[in-house]
Amino acid sequence: MVKISDMMVLIAVAISFAVSAYLWFSGDKEEGLFTATWVPAILCLGMYFNVLAIKGRKR
């Protein structure tokens, strides 16, 4: 089952990717690249909080 927090992370990633693609194809290549770096950062942050939640349940 997918949790709400996981869905929020995926929505944030999708928005970041869409904004990055829009900026890239509209000619703002530097801003598009900067925004593209948010995608893996958001995913890593989501994974970090999931690991913390799993470790908290095991204690």
PDB file of N, CA and C in Angstrom:
ATOM      1  N   MET A   1       0.844  -1.172   0.000  1.00  0.00           N
ATOM      2  CA  MET A   1       0.000   0.000   0.000  1.00  0.00           C
ATOM      3  C   MET A   1       0.898   1.246   0.000  1.00  0.00           C
ATOM      4  N   VAL A   2       0.515   2.201  -0.783  1.00  0.00           N
ATOM      5  CA  VAL A   2       1.296   3.426  -0.900  1.00  0.00           C
ATOM      6  C   VAL A   2       0.799   4.428   0.131  1.00  0.00           C
ATOM      7  N   LYS A   3       1.751   4.973   0.892  1.00  0.00           N
ATOM      8  CA  LYS A   3       1.389   5.943   1.917  1.00  0.00           C
ATOM      9  C   LYS A   3       1.235   7.330   1.297  1.00  0.00           C
ATOM     10  N   ILE A   4       0.536   8.188   2.003  1.00  0.00           N
ATOM     11  CA  ILE A   4       0.325   9.566   1.549  1.00  0.00           C
ATOM     12  C   ILE A   4       1.660  10.294   1.415  1.00  0.00           C
ATOM     13  N   SER A   5       2.573  10.047   2.342  1.00  0.00           N
ATOM     14  CA  SER A   5       3.867  10.733   2.290  1.00  0.00           C
ATOM     15  C   SER A   5       4.651  10.324   1.043  1.00  0.00           C
ATOM     16  N   ASP A   6       4.555   9.050   0.655  1.00  0.00           N
ATOM     17  CA  ASP A   6       5.222   8.600  -0.571  1.00  0.00           C
ATOM     18  C   ASP A   6       4.618   9.270  -1.800  1.00  0.00           C
ATOM     19  N   MET A   7       3.308   9.409  -1.796  1.00  0.00           N
ATOM     20  CA  MET A   7       2.637  10.071  -2.924  1.00  0.00           C
ATOM     21  C   MET A   7       3.042  11.548  -3.003  1.00  0.00           C
ATOM     22  N   MET A   8       3.185  12.198  -1.856  1.00  0.00           N
ATOM     23  CA  MET A   8       3.584  13.607  -1.857  1.00  0.00           C
ATOM     24  C   MET A   8       4.994  13.775  -2.421  1.00  0.00           C
ATOM     25  N   VAL A   9       5.887  12.851  -2.076  1.00  0.00           N
ATOM     26  CA  VAL A   9       7.247  12.902  -2.615  1.00  0.00           C
ATOM     27  C   VAL A   9       7.210  12.720  -4.130  1.00  0.00           C
ATOM     28  N   LEU A  10       6.442  11.757  -4.601  1.00  0.00           N
ATOM     29  CA  LEU A  10       6.357  11.520  -6.043  1.00  0.00           C
ATOM     30  C   LEU A  10       5.720  12.686  -6.780  1.00  0.00           C
ATOM     31  N   ILE A  11       4.751  13.341  -6.174  1.00  0.00           N
ATOM     32  CA  ILE A  11       4.138  14.521  -6.783  1.00  0.00           C
ATOM     33  C   ILE A  11       5.150  15.659  -6.858  1.00  0.00           C
ATOM     34  N   ALA A  12       5.932  15.838  -5.796  1.00  0.00           N
ATOM     35  CA  ALA A  12       6.969  16.873  -5.805  1.00  0.00           C
ATOM     36  C   ALA A  12       8.013  16.594  -6.879  1.00  0.00           C
ATOM     37  N   VAL A  13       8.376  15.330  -7.057  1.00  0.00           N
ATOM     38  CA  VAL A  13       9.335  14.955  -8.092  1.00  0.00           C
ATOM     39  C   VAL A  13       8.752  15.232  -9.475  1.00  0.00           C
ATOM     40  N   ALA A  14       7.498  14.880  -9.679  1.00  0.00           N
ATOM     41  CA  ALA A  14       6.867  15.105 -10.976  1.00  0.00           C
ATOM     42  C   ALA A  14       6.774  16.596 -11.301  1.00  0.00           C
ATOM     43  N   ILE A  15       6.429  17.404 -10.317  1.00  0.00           N
ATOM     44  CA  ILE A  15       6.359  18.852 -10.535  1.00  0.00           C
ATOM     45  C   ILE A  15       7.730  19.405 -10.853  1.00  0.00           C
ATOM     46  N   SER A  16       8.735  18.969 -10.120  1.00  0.00           N
ATOM     47  CA  SER A  16      10.094  19.432 -10.364  1.00  0.00           C
ATOM     48  C   SER A  16      10.563  19.039 -11.756  1.00  0.00           C
ATOM     49  N   PHE A  17      10.266  17.811 -12.161  1.00  0.00           N
ATOM     50  CA  PHE A  17      10.652  17.355 -13.494  1.00  0.00           C
ATOM     51  C   PHE A  17       9.931  18.153 -14.575  1.00  0.00           C
ATOM     52  N   ALA A  18       8.645  18.412 -14.381  1.00  0.00           N
ATOM     53  CA  ALA A  18       7.876  19.164 -15.368  1.00  0.00           C
ATOM     54  C   ALA A  18       8.397  20.600 -15.493  1.00  0.00           C
ATOM     55  N   VAL A  19       8.681  21.225 -14.368  1.00  0.00           N
ATOM     56  CA  VAL A  19       9.218  22.594 -14.400  1.00  0.00           C
ATOM     57  C   VAL A  19      10.582  22.609 -15.071  1.00  0.00           C
ATOM     58  N   SER A  20      11.393  21.616 -14.780  1.00  0.00           N
ATOM     59  CA  SER A  20      12.718  21.521 -15.392  1.00  0.00           C
ATOM     60  C   SER A  20      12.612  21.372 -16.909  1.00  0.00           C
ATOM     61  N   ALA A  21      11.739  20.488 -17.356  1.00  0.00           N
ATOM     62  CA  ALA A  21      11.562  20.288 -18.795  1.00  0.00           C
ATOM     63  C   ALA A  21      11.025  21.555 -19.459  1.00  0.00           C
ATOM     64  N   TYR A  22      10.081  22.212 -18.810  1.00  0.00           N
ATOM     65  CA  TYR A  22       9.545  23.464 -19.372  1.00  0.00           C
ATOM     66  C   TYR A  22      10.642  24.516 -19.511  1.00  0.00           C
ATOM     67  N   LEU A  23      11.439  24.677 -18.465  1.00  0.00           N
ATOM     68  CA  LEU A  23      12.510  25.666 -18.520  1.00  0.00           C
ATOM     69  C   LEU A  23      13.537  25.320 -19.595  1.00  0.00           C
ATOM     70  N   TRP A  24      13.883  24.048 -19.693  1.00  0.00           N
ATOM     71  CA  TRP A  24      14.880  23.617 -20.674  1.00  0.00           C
ATOM     72  C   TRP A  24      14.403  23.916 -22.093  1.00  0.00           C
ATOM     73  N   PHE A  25      13.162  23.514 -22.396  1.00  0.00           N
ATOM     74  CA  PHE A  25      12.670  23.662 -23.764  1.00  0.00           C
ATOM     75  C   PHE A  25      12.212  25.080 -24.092  1.00  0.00           C
ATOM     76  N   SER A  26      12.034  25.917 -23.078  1.00  0.00           N
ATOM     77  CA  SER A  26      11.685  27.312 -23.359  1.00  0.00           C
ATOM     78  C   SER A  26      12.921  28.177 -23.561  1.00  0.00           C
ATOM     79  N   GLY A  27      14.098  27.577 -23.421  1.00  0.00           N
ATOM     80  CA  GLY A  27      15.329  28.310 -23.697  1.00  0.00           C
ATOM     81  C   GLY A  27      16.147  28.670 -22.472  1.00  0.00           C
ATOM     82  N   ASP A  28      15.593  28.498 -21.287  1.00  0.00           N
ATOM     83  CA  ASP A  28      16.329  28.790 -20.050  1.00  0.00           C
ATOM     84  C   ASP A  28      17.064  27.528 -19.605  1.00  0.00           C
ATOM     85  N   LYS A  29      18.120  27.182 -20.322  1.00  0.00           N
ATOM     86  CA  LYS A  29      18.799  25.904 -20.099  1.00  0.00           C
ATOM     87  C   LYS A  29      19.474  25.833 -18.729  1.00  0.00           C
ATOM     88  N   GLU A  30      20.082  26.919 -18.279  1.00  0.00           N
ATOM     89  CA  GLU A  30      20.747  26.887 -16.971  1.00  0.00           C
ATOM     90  C   GLU A  30      19.748  26.698 -15.842  1.00  0.00           C
ATOM     91  N   GLU A  31      18.623  27.408 -15.916  1.00  0.00           N
ATOM     92  CA  GLU A  31      17.598  27.250 -14.888  1.00  0.00           C
ATOM     93  C   GLU A  31      16.990  25.851 -14.938  1.00  0.00           C
ATOM     94  N   GLY A  32      16.851  25.296 -16.155  1.00  0.00           N
ATOM     95  CA  GLY A  32      16.335  23.938 -16.298  1.00  0.00           C
ATOM     96  C   GLY A  32      17.258  22.910 -15.678  1.00  0.00           C
ATOM     97  N   LEU A  33      18.558  23.090 -15.875  1.00  0.00           N
ATOM     98  CA  LEU A  33      19.518  22.168 -15.264  1.00  0.00           C
ATOM     99  C   LEU A  33      19.512  22.286 -13.747  1.00  0.00           C
ATOM    100  N   PHE A  34      19.419  23.509 -13.252  1.00  0.00           N
ATOM    101  CA  PHE A  34      19.371  23.701 -11.799  1.00  0.00           C
ATOM    102  C   PHE A  34      18.143  23.024 -11.206  1.00  0.00           C
ATOM    103  N   THR A  35      17.011  23.196 -11.853  1.00  0.00           N
ATOM    104  CA  THR A  35      15.776  22.593 -11.356  1.00  0.00           C
ATOM    105  C   THR A  35      15.824  21.071 -11.496  1.00  0.00           C
ATOM    106  N   ALA A  36      16.527  20.574 -12.505  1.00  0.00           N
ATOM    107  CA  ALA A  36      16.633  19.127 -12.699  1.00  0.00           C
ATOM    108  C   ALA A  36      17.389  18.460 -11.550  1.00  0.00           C
ATOM    109  N   THR A  37      18.276  19.201 -10.892  1.00  0.00           N
ATOM    110  CA  THR A  37      19.008  18.601  -9.770  1.00  0.00           C
ATOM    111  C   THR A  37      18.111  18.404  -8.552  1.00  0.00           C
ATOM    112  N   TRP A  38      16.950  19.018  -8.540  1.00  0.00           N
ATOM    113  CA  TRP A  38      16.034  18.837  -7.417  1.00  0.00           C
ATOM    114  C   TRP A  38      15.424  17.435  -7.417  1.00  0.00           C
ATOM    115  N   VAL A  39      15.266  16.832  -8.598  1.00  0.00           N
ATOM    116  CA  VAL A  39      14.590  15.533  -8.689  1.00  0.00           C
ATOM    117  C   VAL A  39      15.296  14.465  -7.844  1.00  0.00           C
ATOM    118  N   PRO A  40      16.597  14.212  -8.042  1.00  0.00           N
ATOM    119  CA  PRO A  40      17.229  13.198  -7.183  1.00  0.00           C
ATOM    120  C   PRO A  40      17.323  13.628  -5.724  1.00  0.00           C
ATOM    121  N   ALA A  41      17.427  14.938  -5.475  1.00  0.00           N
ATOM    122  CA  ALA A  41      17.497  15.403  -4.093  1.00  0.00           C
ATOM    123  C   ALA A  41      16.187  15.123  -3.354  1.00  0.00           C
ATOM    124  N   ILE A  42      15.066  15.359  -4.012  1.00  0.00           N
ATOM    125  CA  ILE A  42      13.760  15.101  -3.392  1.00  0.00           C
ATOM    126  C   ILE A  42      13.579  13.600  -3.169  1.00  0.00           C
ATOM    127  N   LEU A  43      13.982  12.794  -4.160  1.00  0.00           N
ATOM    128  CA  LEU A  43      13.874  11.340  -3.999  1.00  0.00           C
ATOM    129  C   LEU A  43      14.721  10.842  -2.838  1.00  0.00           C
ATOM    130  N   CYS A  44      15.943  11.345  -2.717  1.00  0.00           N
ATOM    131  CA  CYS A  44      16.819  10.933  -1.614  1.00  0.00           C
ATOM    132  C   CYS A  44      16.241  11.353  -0.269  1.00  0.00           C
ATOM    133  N   LEU A  45      15.683  12.533  -0.208  1.00  0.00           N
ATOM    134  CA  LEU A  45      15.070  12.992   1.037  1.00  0.00           C
ATOM    135  C   LEU A  45      13.886  12.103   1.414  1.00  0.00           C
ATOM    136  N   GLY A  46      13.075  11.727   0.435  1.00  0.00           N
ATOM    137  CA  GLY A  46      11.956  10.824   0.699  1.00  0.00           C
ATOM    138  C   GLY A  46      12.426   9.460   1.182  1.00  0.00           C
ATOM    139  N   MET A  47      13.490   8.929   0.559  1.00  0.00           N
ATOM    140  CA  MET A  47      14.025   7.638   0.997  1.00  0.00           C
ATOM    141  C   MET A  47      14.601   7.728   2.400  1.00  0.00           C
ATOM    142  N   TYR A  48      15.251   8.831   2.713  1.00  0.00           N
ATOM    143  CA  TYR A  48      15.816   9.027   4.049  1.00  0.00           C
ATOM    144  C   TYR A  48      14.724   8.980   5.109  1.00  0.00           C
ATOM    145  N   PHE A  49      13.627   9.692   4.881  1.00  0.00           N
ATOM    146  CA  PHE A  49      12.549   9.689   5.865  1.00  0.00           C
ATOM    147  C   PHE A  49      11.861   8.328   5.954  1.00  0.00           C
ATOM    148  N   ASN A  50      11.807   7.587   4.849  1.00  0.00           N
ATOM    149  CA  ASN A  50      11.251   6.229   4.908  1.00  0.00           C
ATOM    150  C   ASN A  50      12.135   5.312   5.748  1.00  0.00           C
ATOM    151  N   VAL A  51      13.449   5.435   5.592  1.00  0.00           N
ATOM    152  CA  VAL A  51      14.362   4.619   6.392  1.00  0.00           C
ATOM    153  C   VAL A  51      14.239   4.968   7.864  1.00  0.00           C
ATOM    154  N   LEU A  52      14.118   6.252   8.171  1.00  0.00           N
ATOM    155  CA  LEU A  52      13.925   6.649   9.568  1.00  0.00           C
ATOM    156  C   LEU A  52      12.640   6.073  10.146  1.00  0.00           C
ATOM    157  N   ALA A  53      11.593   6.064   9.352  1.00  0.00           N
ATOM    158  CA  ALA A  53      10.317   5.519   9.811  1.00  0.00           C
ATOM    159  C   ALA A  53      10.419   4.014  10.052  1.00  0.00           C
ATOM    160  N   ILE A  54      11.120   3.313   9.173  1.00  0.00           N
ATOM    161  CA  ILE A  54      11.295   1.863   9.341  1.00  0.00           C
ATOM    162  C   ILE A  54      12.129   1.562  10.574  1.00  0.00           C
ATOM    163  N   LYS A  55      13.201   2.316  10.770  1.00  0.00           N
ATOM    164  CA  LYS A  55      14.040   2.108  11.960  1.00  0.00           C
ATOM    165  C   LYS A  55      13.271   2.427  13.237  1.00  0.00           C
ATOM    166  N   GLY A  56      12.385   3.418  13.192  1.00  0.00           N
ATOM    167  CA  GLY A  56      11.590   3.769  14.363  1.00  0.00           C
ATOM    168  C   GLY A  56      10.589   2.687  14.718  1.00  0.00           C
ATOM    169  N   ARG A  57      10.054   1.978  13.721  1.00  0.00           N
ATOM    170  CA  ARG A  57       9.102   0.912  13.977  1.00  0.00           C
ATOM    171  C   ARG A  57       9.761  -0.324  14.570  1.00  0.00           C
ATOM    172  N   LYS A  58      11.050  -0.542  14.258  1.00  0.00           N
ATOM    173  CA  LYS A  58      11.749  -1.731  14.748  1.00  0.00           C
ATOM    174  C   LYS A  58      12.151  -1.615  16.201  1.00  0.00           C
ATOM    175  N   ARG A  59      12.200  -0.420  16.730  1.00  0.00           N
ATOM    176  CA  ARG A  59      12.642  -0.237  18.121  1.00  0.00           C
ATOM    177  C   ARG A  59      11.567  -0.569  19.084  1.00  0.00           C
TER     178      ARG A  59
END
